[in-house]
Amino acid sequence: MIRLTEQARGRWSAVFRIVAGTLGAYGLTSLATVALSLLLARIGMSRVEAVTAATLSSFAIFAVIAMAAFHARSAARAWGWLLALGLPLALAVLPLSPGTYP
């Protein structure tokens, strides 16, 4: 079994936190943007306006998620929060998607 030094563990933690703060935040933001645009269209906003409003809000959403990922105590906790927030959003997108319900 390979033992990592304290310095190596710190570097790997930083790498995983950077990946969570960039790619993980991007994935969660895109999922939130889809859910928000579908929700806005469902409550009566035109599709073009719903997508525009959701896309504009995605910049703020991404910034908050990225900051939270870097603020987490550990990289594992950051990934846990990303998954915990992503699962309900993914489940919310399914019934809101066009063609799912008549």
C-alpha atoms as a PDB file:
ATOM      1  CA  MET A   1       0.000   0.000   0.000  1.00  0.00           C
ATOM      2  CA  ILE A   2       1.310   3.429  -0.903  1.00  0.00           C
ATOM      3  CA  ARG A   3       1.526   5.938   1.927  1.00  0.00           C
ATOM      4  CA  LEU A   4       1.166   9.568   0.957  1.00  0.00           C
ATOM      5  CA  THR A   5       3.026  12.260   2.774  1.00  0.00           C
ATOM      6  CA  GLU A   6       1.154  15.152   4.333  1.00  0.00           C
ATOM      7  CA  GLN A   7       2.313  17.403   1.506  1.00  0.00           C
ATOM      8  CA  ALA A   8       1.094  14.965  -1.157  1.00  0.00           C
ATOM      9  CA  ARG A   9      -2.291  14.617   0.557  1.00  0.00           C
ATOM     10  CA  GLY A  10      -2.637  18.375   0.644  1.00  0.00           C
ATOM     11  CA  ARG A  11      -1.850  18.640  -3.050  1.00  0.00           C
ATOM     12  CA  TRP A  12      -4.295  15.898  -4.002  1.00  0.00           C
ATOM     13  CA  SER A  13      -6.947  17.521  -1.855  1.00  0.00           C
ATOM     14  CA  ALA A  14      -6.362  20.798  -3.677  1.00  0.00           C
ATOM     15  CA  VAL A  15      -6.635  19.047  -7.057  1.00  0.00           C
ATOM     16  CA  PHE A  16      -9.924  17.369  -6.114  1.00  0.00           C
ATOM     17  CA  ARG A  17     -11.260  20.643  -4.707  1.00  0.00           C
ATOM     18  CA  ILE A  18     -10.320  22.481  -7.929  1.00  0.00           C
ATOM     19  CA  VAL A  19     -12.083  19.832 -10.011  1.00  0.00           C
ATOM     20  CA  ALA A  20     -15.149  20.085  -7.738  1.00  0.00           C
ATOM     21  CA  GLY A  21     -15.093  23.883  -7.931  1.00  0.00           C
ATOM     22  CA  THR A  22     -14.856  23.922 -11.708  1.00  0.00           C
ATOM     23  CA  LEU A  23     -16.259  20.812 -13.368  1.00  0.00           C
ATOM     24  CA  GLY A  24     -18.603  19.877 -10.535  1.00  0.00           C
ATOM     25  CA  ALA A  25     -19.900  23.428 -10.286  1.00  0.00           C
ATOM     26  CA  TYR A  26     -20.372  23.523 -14.062  1.00  0.00           C
ATOM     27  CA  GLY A  27     -22.375  20.295 -14.030  1.00  0.00           C
ATOM     28  CA  LEU A  28     -24.578  21.361 -11.140  1.00  0.00           C
ATOM     29  CA  THR A  29     -25.084  24.808 -12.654  1.00  0.00           C
ATOM     30  CA  SER A  30     -26.154  23.373 -15.994  1.00  0.00           C
ATOM     31  CA  LEU A  31     -28.596  21.060 -14.234  1.00  0.00           C
ATOM     32  CA  ALA A  32     -29.980  23.969 -12.194  1.00  0.00           C
ATOM     33  CA  THR A  33     -30.305  26.076 -15.350  1.00  0.00           C
ATOM     34  CA  VAL A  34     -32.299  23.350 -17.094  1.00  0.00           C
ATOM     35  CA  ALA A  35     -34.553  22.883 -14.063  1.00  0.00           C
ATOM     36  CA  LEU A  36     -35.120  26.618 -13.661  1.00  0.00           C
ATOM     37  CA  SER A  37     -35.897  27.178 -17.346  1.00  0.00           C
ATOM     38  CA  LEU A  38     -38.359  24.280 -17.388  1.00  0.00           C
ATOM     39  CA  LEU A  39     -39.995  25.517 -14.187  1.00  0.00           C
ATOM     40  CA  LEU A  40     -40.338  29.075 -15.479  1.00  0.00           C
ATOM     41  CA  ALA A  41     -41.816  27.818 -18.750  1.00  0.00           C
ATOM     42  CA  ARG A  42     -44.211  25.579 -16.830  1.00  0.00           C
ATOM     43  CA  ILE A  43     -45.556  28.442 -14.689  1.00  0.00           C
ATOM     44  CA  GLY A  44     -46.424  30.555 -17.723  1.00  0.00           C
ATOM     45  CA  MET A  45     -43.341  32.400 -18.951  1.00  0.00           C
ATOM     46  CA  SER A  46     -42.602  32.076 -22.655  1.00  0.00           C
ATOM     47  CA  ARG A  47     -39.893  29.549 -23.466  1.00  0.00           C
ATOM     48  CA  VAL A  48     -37.487  32.134 -24.854  1.00  0.00           C
ATOM     49  CA  GLU A  49     -37.797  34.356 -21.793  1.00  0.00           C
ATOM     50  CA  ALA A  50     -37.529  31.355 -19.447  1.00  0.00           C
ATOM     51  CA  VAL A  51     -34.294  30.159 -21.037  1.00  0.00           C
ATOM     52  CA  THR A  52     -32.872  33.691 -21.066  1.00  0.00           C
ATOM     53  CA  ALA A  53     -33.736  34.287 -17.415  1.00  0.00           C
ATOM     54  CA  ALA A  54     -32.337  30.913 -16.354  1.00  0.00           C
ATOM     55  CA  THR A  55     -29.152  31.450 -18.348  1.00  0.00           C
ATOM     56  CA  LEU A  56     -28.597  34.893 -16.854  1.00  0.00           C
ATOM     57  CA  SER A  57     -29.101  33.540 -13.352  1.00  0.00           C
ATOM     58  CA  SER A  58     -26.682  30.682 -14.042  1.00  0.00           C
ATOM     59  CA  PHE A  59     -23.701  33.027 -13.719  1.00  0.00           C
ATOM     60  CA  ALA A  60     -24.620  33.804 -10.118  1.00  0.00           C
ATOM     61  CA  ILE A  61     -25.453  30.164  -9.427  1.00  0.00           C
ATOM     62  CA  PHE A  62     -22.049  29.037 -10.709  1.00  0.00           C
ATOM     63  CA  ALA A  63     -20.228  31.610  -8.585  1.00  0.00           C
ATOM     64  CA  VAL A  64     -22.034  30.524  -5.413  1.00  0.00           C
ATOM     65  CA  ILE A  65     -21.432  26.821  -6.064  1.00  0.00           C
ATOM     66  CA  ALA A  66     -17.746  27.339  -6.876  1.00  0.00           C
ATOM     67  CA  MET A  67     -17.205  29.427  -3.745  1.00  0.00           C
ATOM     68  CA  ALA A  68     -18.993  26.817  -1.629  1.00  0.00           C
ATOM     69  CA  ALA A  69     -16.806  24.056  -3.076  1.00  0.00           C
ATOM     70  CA  PHE A  70     -13.655  25.924  -2.108  1.00  0.00           C
ATOM     71  CA  HIS A  71     -15.103  26.825   1.292  1.00  0.00           C
ATOM     72  CA  ALA A  72     -15.897  23.216   2.229  1.00  0.00           C
ATOM     73  CA  ARG A  73     -13.774  21.574   4.910  1.00  0.00           C
ATOM     74  CA  SER A  74     -12.607  18.833   2.573  1.00  0.00           C
ATOM     75  CA  ALA A  75     -12.827  17.852  -1.060  1.00  0.00           C
ATOM     76  CA  ALA A  76     -14.979  14.854  -0.143  1.00  0.00           C
ATOM     77  CA  ARG A  77     -17.453  17.135   1.621  1.00  0.00           C
ATOM     78  CA  ALA A  78     -17.553  19.423  -1.436  1.00  0.00           C
ATOM     79  CA  TRP A  79     -18.296  16.476  -3.716  1.00  0.00           C
ATOM     80  CA  GLY A  80     -20.915  15.232  -1.256  1.00  0.00           C
ATOM     81  CA  TRP A  81     -22.725  18.577  -1.348  1.00  0.00           C
ATOM     82  CA  LEU A  82     -22.551  18.647  -5.147  1.00  0.00           C
ATOM     83  CA  LEU A  83     -24.111  15.200  -5.360  1.00  0.00           C
ATOM     84  CA  ALA A  84     -26.672  15.948  -2.647  1.00  0.00           C
ATOM     85  CA  LEU A  85     -27.848  19.035  -4.521  1.00  0.00           C
ATOM     86  CA  GLY A  86     -27.633  17.453  -7.965  1.00  0.00           C
ATOM     87  CA  LEU A  87     -29.821  14.442  -7.275  1.00  0.00           C
ATOM     88  CA  PRO A  88     -33.010  16.378  -6.377  1.00  0.00           C
ATOM     89  CA  LEU A  89     -32.461  18.690  -9.337  1.00  0.00           C
ATOM     90  CA  ALA A  90     -32.103  15.720 -11.668  1.00  0.00           C
ATOM     91  CA  LEU A  91     -35.268  14.183 -10.263  1.00  0.00           C
ATOM     92  CA  ALA A  92     -37.096  17.507 -10.640  1.00  0.00           C
ATOM     93  CA  VAL A  93     -36.123  17.804 -14.304  1.00  0.00           C
ATOM     94  CA  LEU A  94     -37.731  14.488 -15.240  1.00  0.00           C
ATOM     95  CA  PRO A  95     -41.397  15.416 -14.691  1.00  0.00           C
ATOM     96  CA  LEU A  96     -40.866  18.954 -16.001  1.00  0.00           C
ATOM     97  CA  SER A  97     -39.375  17.817 -19.309  1.00  0.00           C
ATOM     98  CA  PRO A  98     -41.573  18.286 -22.372  1.00  0.00           C
ATOM     99  CA  GLY A  99     -43.057  15.077 -23.671  1.00  0.00           C
ATOM    100  CA  THR A 100     -43.002  13.350 -20.293  1.00  0.00           C
ATOM    101  CA  TYR A 101     -46.579  14.231 -19.436  1.00  0.00           C
ATOM    102  CA  PRO A 102     -49.290  15.261 -21.888  1.00  0.00           C
END
